[in-house]
Amino acid sequence: MDTNAEIPFEMRLDARAREVETLLRSLLDTHLLPGEIARPERLLAAMRHGVLNGGKRLRPFLVVESAALFGAGARHIEALRAAAALECVHCYSLIHDDLPAMDDDDLRRGQPTVHRAFDEAAAILAGDALLTLAFDIICDDAADNGAAPLPAATRLALARGLARAAGLGGMAGGQMLDLTAQHDAPDEAGIIRLQAMKTGALIRYACEAGAIVAGAPESDRERLAEFGSAIGLAFQLADDLLDVTADAGRLGKATGKDAAAGKATLAALHGPDWARRQLHGLVEQASSLLEPYGERAAILKQAARFVAQRDR
């Protein structure tokens, strides 16, 4: 695919989303893999509902574009596979996050949540299956484009990074802190830690994963991870701002839920105007981290602005 940064950003975002969605559809439509016994159709249907229901596919986009930053054109398929694996983890987290025991949401991306479209048991199992599928995708040494597969050490780094971003010290731990915060409101530092884990960890991983696929040096991996941390905080801050200011119909999910649940957010703590100023600062911080790459980083700088300025 053409990597010309002159393509309008949202067109590029949509194009990458279509690529990843095509791969996800293929992975869920594949016949039995070695070691599998059967693929129950109801479970597959629930997984498809949770992962093929639209969305911006921002995290996969960041994987692919971070890999492209380092000239990884020959590894485009491998970057897409890492992106698809990450999206499986993200969608599993949304399915579980929407459950009555968590945020108890009825809508996701303008459609019934998985537990509403099916039932709670199917939603739990769909999330579990998507999580395990993610590591299957990363660990598979098949090369889809005739090229040599990613080295085993690279696949190990991708799997380990995803496990840590998604697990106890990352997303899952952040979700636990979020639930606890409903009864024991954290201070500002606690909110930032919570959000860096619950939301930011996967976005940080997305940016670093692209550099890992491309075989970039450790210093570049760390720089891209820092960039991911900055836009991860911006993403959550923008999300909190939307919860306060956006229309539910346009957003595709309920709004005002943070306040109703007593959740502490930076937007609620300091107000919308402060949040908008912080978003501007985070975009500047993220962009400055990419200065060493010159014009090659233009699309990632646009991604930072998109994250902070989105209205849904």
Protein backbone atom coordinates (compact mmCIF):
# COMPACT_ATOMS: atom_id res chain seq x y z
CA MET A 1 0.00 0.00 0.00
CA ASP A 2 1.22 3.52 -0.79
CA THR A 3 2.75 5.13 2.30
CA ASN A 4 2.70 8.66 0.94
CA ALA A 5 2.02 10.95 3.90
CA GLU A 6 0.17 13.35 1.59
CA ILE A 7 -2.89 11.08 1.65
CA PRO A 8 -5.51 12.85 3.83
CA PHE A 9 -5.22 11.51 7.36
CA GLU A 10 -8.75 10.15 7.77
CA MET A 11 -8.56 8.42 4.37
CA ARG A 12 -5.32 6.79 5.48
CA LEU A 13 -6.86 5.79 8.81
CA ASP A 14 -9.85 4.25 7.02
CA ALA A 15 -7.60 2.41 4.57
CA ARG A 16 -5.54 0.86 7.36
CA ALA A 17 -8.75 -0.05 9.21
CA ARG A 18 -10.03 -1.89 6.14
CA GLU A 19 -6.75 -3.80 5.82
CA VAL A 20 -6.84 -4.89 9.46
CA GLU A 21 -10.55 -5.73 9.31
CA THR A 22 -9.98 -7.89 6.22
CA LEU A 23 -7.27 -9.79 8.07
CA LEU A 24 -9.42 -10.17 11.20
CA ARG A 25 -12.31 -11.46 9.12
CA SER A 26 -9.99 -13.97 7.47
CA LEU A 27 -8.62 -15.14 10.82
CA LEU A 28 -12.14 -15.69 12.15
CA ASP A 29 -13.28 -17.44 8.97
CA THR A 30 -10.28 -19.78 8.74
CA HIS A 31 -10.98 -23.48 8.95
CA LEU A 32 -9.71 -25.44 11.92
CA LEU A 33 -6.09 -24.80 12.76
CA PRO A 34 -3.72 -27.59 13.85
CA GLY A 35 -4.54 -28.48 17.45
CA GLU A 36 -8.11 -27.15 17.31
CA ILE A 37 -11.01 -29.59 17.73
CA ALA A 38 -14.01 -27.46 16.74
CA ARG A 39 -15.07 -23.82 16.41
CA PRO A 40 -18.54 -23.38 17.94
CA GLU A 41 -20.57 -21.15 15.63
CA ARG A 42 -22.26 -19.17 18.43
CA LEU A 43 -18.89 -18.32 19.95
CA LEU A 44 -17.55 -17.31 16.53
CA ALA A 45 -20.61 -15.13 15.97
CA ALA A 46 -20.09 -13.38 19.32
CA MET A 47 -16.40 -12.84 18.52
CA ARG A 48 -17.26 -11.40 15.11
CA HIS A 49 -19.84 -9.10 16.70
CA GLY A 50 -17.23 -7.81 19.13
CA VAL A 51 -14.34 -7.37 16.72
CA LEU A 52 -15.95 -6.63 13.34
CA ASN A 53 -18.32 -3.89 14.46
CA GLY A 54 -16.46 -0.92 13.05
CA GLY A 55 -14.40 1.51 15.04
CA LYS A 56 -11.47 3.70 14.07
CA ARG A 57 -8.87 0.93 14.55
CA LEU A 58 -6.49 3.55 15.94
CA ARG A 59 -4.23 1.08 17.74
CA PRO A 60 -3.66 -1.08 14.64
CA PHE A 61 -3.05 2.12 12.65
CA LEU A 62 -0.31 3.12 15.10
CA VAL A 63 1.36 -0.29 14.79
CA VAL A 64 1.44 -0.17 11.00
CA GLU A 65 2.48 3.48 10.73
CA SER A 66 5.18 3.11 13.40
CA ALA A 67 6.61 0.20 11.42
CA ALA A 68 6.41 2.28 8.23
CA LEU A 69 8.35 5.08 9.95
CA PHE A 70 11.38 2.79 9.92
CA GLY A 71 10.93 1.71 6.31
CA ALA A 72 9.43 -1.68 7.08
CA GLY A 73 7.59 -1.99 3.75
CA ALA A 74 8.74 -5.57 3.28
CA ARG A 75 7.29 -6.37 6.70
CA HIS A 76 3.86 -4.82 6.04
CA ILE A 77 2.01 -8.14 6.41
CA GLU A 78 3.83 -8.87 9.66
CA ALA A 79 2.96 -5.39 10.94
CA LEU A 80 -0.68 -6.02 10.02
CA ARG A 81 -0.64 -9.30 11.94
CA ALA A 82 0.76 -7.59 15.04
CA ALA A 83 -1.89 -4.90 14.58
CA ALA A 84 -4.66 -7.50 14.29
CA ALA A 85 -3.43 -9.24 17.44
CA LEU A 86 -3.51 -5.96 19.34
CA GLU A 87 -7.03 -5.22 18.07
CA CYS A 88 -8.18 -8.64 19.33
CA VAL A 89 -6.92 -7.71 22.80
CA HIS A 90 -8.50 -4.26 22.63
CA CYS A 91 -11.87 -5.66 21.52
CA TYR A 92 -11.79 -8.37 24.17
CA SER A 93 -11.28 -5.63 26.75
CA LEU A 94 -14.27 -3.69 25.41
CA ILE A 95 -16.50 -6.77 25.50
CA HIS A 96 -15.60 -7.43 29.12
CA ASP A 97 -15.65 -3.73 30.04
CA ASP A 98 -19.27 -3.50 28.85
CA LEU A 99 -20.46 -6.36 31.08
CA PRO A 100 -22.89 -5.65 33.93
CA ALA A 101 -20.15 -6.45 36.46
CA MET A 102 -17.98 -3.72 34.93
CA ASP A 103 -19.43 -0.63 33.21
CA ASP A 104 -22.81 -2.20 32.32
CA ASP A 105 -23.14 -0.64 28.86
CA ASP A 106 -25.82 -1.45 26.30
CA LEU A 107 -24.20 0.24 23.29
CA ARG A 108 -20.78 0.04 21.72
CA ARG A 109 -20.02 1.83 18.45
CA GLY A 110 -23.73 2.44 18.02
CA GLN A 111 -24.62 -1.27 18.23
CA PRO A 112 -25.78 -3.55 21.06
CA THR A 113 -22.89 -4.71 23.20
CA VAL A 114 -21.98 -8.39 22.94
CA HIS A 115 -23.71 -9.39 26.16
CA ARG A 116 -26.88 -7.66 24.92
CA ALA A 117 -26.73 -9.15 21.42
CA PHE A 118 -25.98 -12.63 22.83
CA ASP A 119 -25.72 -13.16 26.59
CA GLU A 120 -23.22 -12.63 29.39
CA ALA A 121 -21.66 -16.10 29.16
CA ALA A 122 -21.12 -15.75 25.41
CA ALA A 123 -19.59 -12.30 25.94
CA ILE A 124 -17.14 -13.61 28.54
CA LEU A 125 -16.10 -16.50 26.32
CA ALA A 126 -15.82 -14.28 23.24
CA GLY A 127 -13.46 -12.00 25.14
CA ASP A 128 -11.44 -14.95 26.40
CA ALA A 129 -11.18 -16.40 22.89
CA LEU A 130 -10.11 -13.08 21.34
CA LEU A 131 -7.39 -12.67 23.97
CA THR A 132 -5.95 -16.10 23.27
CA LEU A 133 -6.31 -15.63 19.51
CA ALA A 134 -4.11 -12.54 19.79
CA PHE A 135 -1.16 -14.59 21.01
CA ASP A 136 -1.83 -17.28 18.41
CA ILE A 137 -1.53 -14.59 15.70
CA ILE A 138 1.75 -13.24 17.09
CA CYS A 139 3.34 -16.63 17.71
CA ASP A 140 2.41 -18.11 14.32
CA ASP A 141 5.59 -18.27 12.23
CA ALA A 142 3.71 -18.45 8.92
CA ALA A 143 4.77 -15.89 6.30
CA ASP A 144 1.78 -14.74 4.24
CA ASN A 145 3.73 -12.82 1.60
CA GLY A 146 6.45 -15.26 0.61
CA ALA A 147 8.99 -13.53 2.85
CA ALA A 148 10.78 -15.17 5.74
CA PRO A 149 8.74 -15.07 8.96
CA LEU A 150 9.67 -12.68 11.71
CA PRO A 151 12.60 -13.97 13.77
CA ALA A 152 11.57 -15.89 16.87
CA ALA A 153 13.17 -13.22 19.08
CA THR A 154 11.01 -10.54 17.45
CA ARG A 155 7.83 -12.57 17.93
CA LEU A 156 8.84 -13.15 21.56
CA ALA A 157 9.34 -9.41 22.10
CA LEU A 158 5.92 -8.68 20.56
CA ALA A 159 4.20 -11.34 22.70
CA ARG A 160 5.92 -10.30 25.91
CA GLY A 161 5.20 -6.62 25.29
CA LEU A 162 1.53 -7.32 24.59
CA ALA A 163 1.18 -9.52 27.67
CA ARG A 164 2.61 -6.83 29.91
CA ALA A 165 0.59 -4.03 28.32
CA ALA A 166 -2.65 -6.02 28.65
CA GLY A 167 -2.13 -7.69 32.01
CA LEU A 168 -1.69 -7.08 35.72
CA GLY A 169 0.62 -4.09 35.36
CA GLY A 170 -1.22 -2.67 32.35
CA MET A 171 -4.78 -2.68 31.05
CA ALA A 172 -6.31 -5.30 33.37
CA GLY A 173 -4.69 -3.72 36.40
CA GLY A 174 -5.93 -0.33 35.25
CA GLN A 175 -9.47 -1.65 35.00
CA MET A 176 -9.20 -2.89 38.60
CA LEU A 177 -8.02 0.55 39.70
CA ASP A 178 -10.91 2.09 37.78
CA LEU A 179 -13.43 -0.07 39.60
CA THR A 180 -11.82 0.74 42.94
CA ALA A 181 -11.90 4.45 42.12
CA GLN A 182 -15.71 4.42 42.17
CA HIS A 183 -15.55 3.92 45.95
CA ASP A 184 -12.17 5.43 46.81
CA ALA A 185 -11.48 8.45 44.58
CA PRO A 186 -7.79 8.75 43.68
CA ASP A 187 -5.81 11.97 43.65
CA GLU A 188 -4.48 13.45 40.41
CA ALA A 189 -1.40 11.21 40.39
CA GLY A 190 -3.63 8.19 40.97
CA ILE A 191 -5.89 9.16 38.06
CA ILE A 192 -2.90 9.53 35.74
CA ARG A 193 -1.53 6.13 36.81
CA LEU A 194 -4.95 4.50 36.35
CA GLN A 195 -5.37 5.96 32.88
CA ALA A 196 -1.81 5.15 31.82
CA MET A 197 -2.57 1.52 32.64
CA LYS A 198 -6.18 1.11 31.53
CA THR A 199 -5.96 3.04 28.25
CA GLY A 200 -2.42 4.20 27.70
CA ALA A 201 -0.62 0.86 27.99
CA LEU A 202 -2.05 -0.60 24.77
CA ILE A 203 -1.49 2.65 22.86
CA ARG A 204 2.10 2.79 24.09
CA TYR A 205 2.52 -0.83 23.01
CA ALA A 206 1.02 -0.10 19.59
CA CYS A 207 3.70 2.47 18.83
CA GLU A 208 6.55 0.36 20.17
CA ALA A 209 5.29 -2.78 18.42
CA GLY A 210 5.67 -1.17 15.00
CA ALA A 211 9.29 -0.37 15.82
CA ILE A 212 9.81 -3.95 17.02
CA VAL A 213 8.42 -5.40 13.78
CA ALA A 214 10.71 -3.09 11.80
CA GLY A 215 13.77 -4.19 13.77
CA ALA A 216 14.44 -0.63 14.96
CA PRO A 217 17.19 0.00 17.54
CA GLU A 218 16.32 0.02 21.22
CA SER A 219 16.63 3.82 21.41
CA ASP A 220 14.00 4.22 18.69
CA ARG A 221 11.73 1.68 20.35
CA GLU A 222 11.93 3.67 23.58
CA ARG A 223 11.22 6.96 21.77
CA LEU A 224 8.16 5.50 20.04
CA ALA A 225 6.97 4.08 23.36
CA GLU A 226 7.26 7.56 24.93
CA PHE A 227 5.30 8.98 22.00
CA GLY A 228 2.64 6.31 22.65
CA SER A 229 2.49 7.25 26.32
CA ALA A 230 1.85 10.90 25.46
CA ILE A 231 -0.92 10.19 22.97
CA GLY A 232 -2.35 7.52 25.27
CA LEU A 233 -2.87 10.12 27.97
CA ALA A 234 -4.29 12.48 25.35
CA PHE A 235 -6.68 9.77 24.14
CA GLN A 236 -8.09 9.19 27.63
CA LEU A 237 -8.27 12.90 28.41
CA ALA A 238 -10.18 13.48 25.14
CA ASP A 239 -12.44 10.54 26.01
CA ASP A 240 -13.18 12.01 29.45
CA LEU A 241 -13.91 15.38 27.84
CA LEU A 242 -16.32 13.74 25.38
CA ASP A 243 -18.10 12.01 28.25
CA VAL A 244 -18.79 15.47 29.65
CA THR A 245 -19.53 17.40 26.45
CA ALA A 246 -20.53 15.04 23.59
CA ASP A 247 -23.90 13.89 22.33
CA ALA A 248 -24.56 10.18 22.96
CA GLY A 249 -26.01 9.63 19.49
CA ARG A 250 -22.90 10.94 17.78
CA LEU A 251 -20.55 9.19 20.19
CA GLY A 252 -22.26 5.81 19.72
CA LYS A 253 -22.35 5.06 23.45
CA ALA A 254 -23.79 6.51 26.64
CA THR A 255 -22.33 9.76 27.95
CA GLY A 256 -22.18 11.20 31.46
CA LYS A 257 -21.50 7.76 32.88
CA ASP A 258 -18.27 8.71 34.64
CA ALA A 259 -20.00 11.34 36.75
CA ALA A 260 -22.99 9.07 37.40
CA ALA A 261 -20.66 6.30 38.59
CA GLY A 262 -18.64 8.69 40.73
CA LYS A 263 -15.48 8.09 38.71
CA ALA A 264 -12.69 10.62 39.09
CA THR A 265 -11.30 11.95 35.81
CA LEU A 266 -8.92 14.79 35.02
CA ALA A 267 -11.62 16.54 32.99
CA ALA A 268 -14.01 16.38 35.95
CA LEU A 269 -11.30 17.41 38.41
CA HIS A 270 -10.09 20.49 36.52
CA GLY A 271 -12.86 21.28 34.03
CA PRO A 272 -13.17 21.21 30.20
CA ASP A 273 -11.06 24.32 29.53
CA TRP A 274 -8.13 22.92 31.49
CA ALA A 275 -8.51 19.60 29.68
CA ARG A 276 -8.35 21.31 26.28
CA ARG A 277 -5.16 23.16 27.29
CA GLN A 278 -3.61 19.90 28.47
CA LEU A 279 -4.51 18.20 25.22
CA HIS A 280 -2.71 20.92 23.30
CA GLY A 281 0.37 20.41 25.47
CA LEU A 282 0.31 16.65 25.02
CA VAL A 283 0.16 17.01 21.24
CA GLU A 284 3.18 19.32 21.38
CA GLN A 285 5.03 16.84 23.58
CA ALA A 286 4.22 13.92 21.29
CA SER A 287 5.25 15.85 18.18
CA SER A 288 8.56 16.93 19.71
CA LEU A 289 9.46 13.29 20.35
CA LEU A 290 9.22 12.64 16.60
CA GLU A 291 11.42 15.57 15.51
CA PRO A 292 14.48 13.37 14.85
CA TYR A 293 12.56 11.60 12.06
CA GLY A 294 11.69 14.73 10.09
CA GLU A 295 8.99 14.49 7.44
CA ARG A 296 8.85 10.70 7.75
CA ALA A 297 6.95 11.21 11.01
CA ALA A 298 4.29 13.52 9.54
CA ILE A 299 1.53 10.90 9.63
CA LEU A 300 2.21 10.04 13.29
CA LYS A 301 2.12 13.74 14.19
CA GLN A 302 -1.25 13.93 12.48
CA ALA A 303 -2.35 10.92 14.53
CA ALA A 304 -1.46 12.80 17.73
CA ARG A 305 -3.61 15.76 16.66
CA PHE A 306 -6.45 13.44 15.64
CA VAL A 307 -6.45 11.75 19.04
CA ALA A 308 -6.66 15.08 20.88
CA GLN A 309 -9.21 16.75 18.60
CA ARG A 310 -11.62 13.89 17.90
CA ASP A 311 -15.31 14.51 18.51
CA ARG A 312 -16.42 10.89 18.82
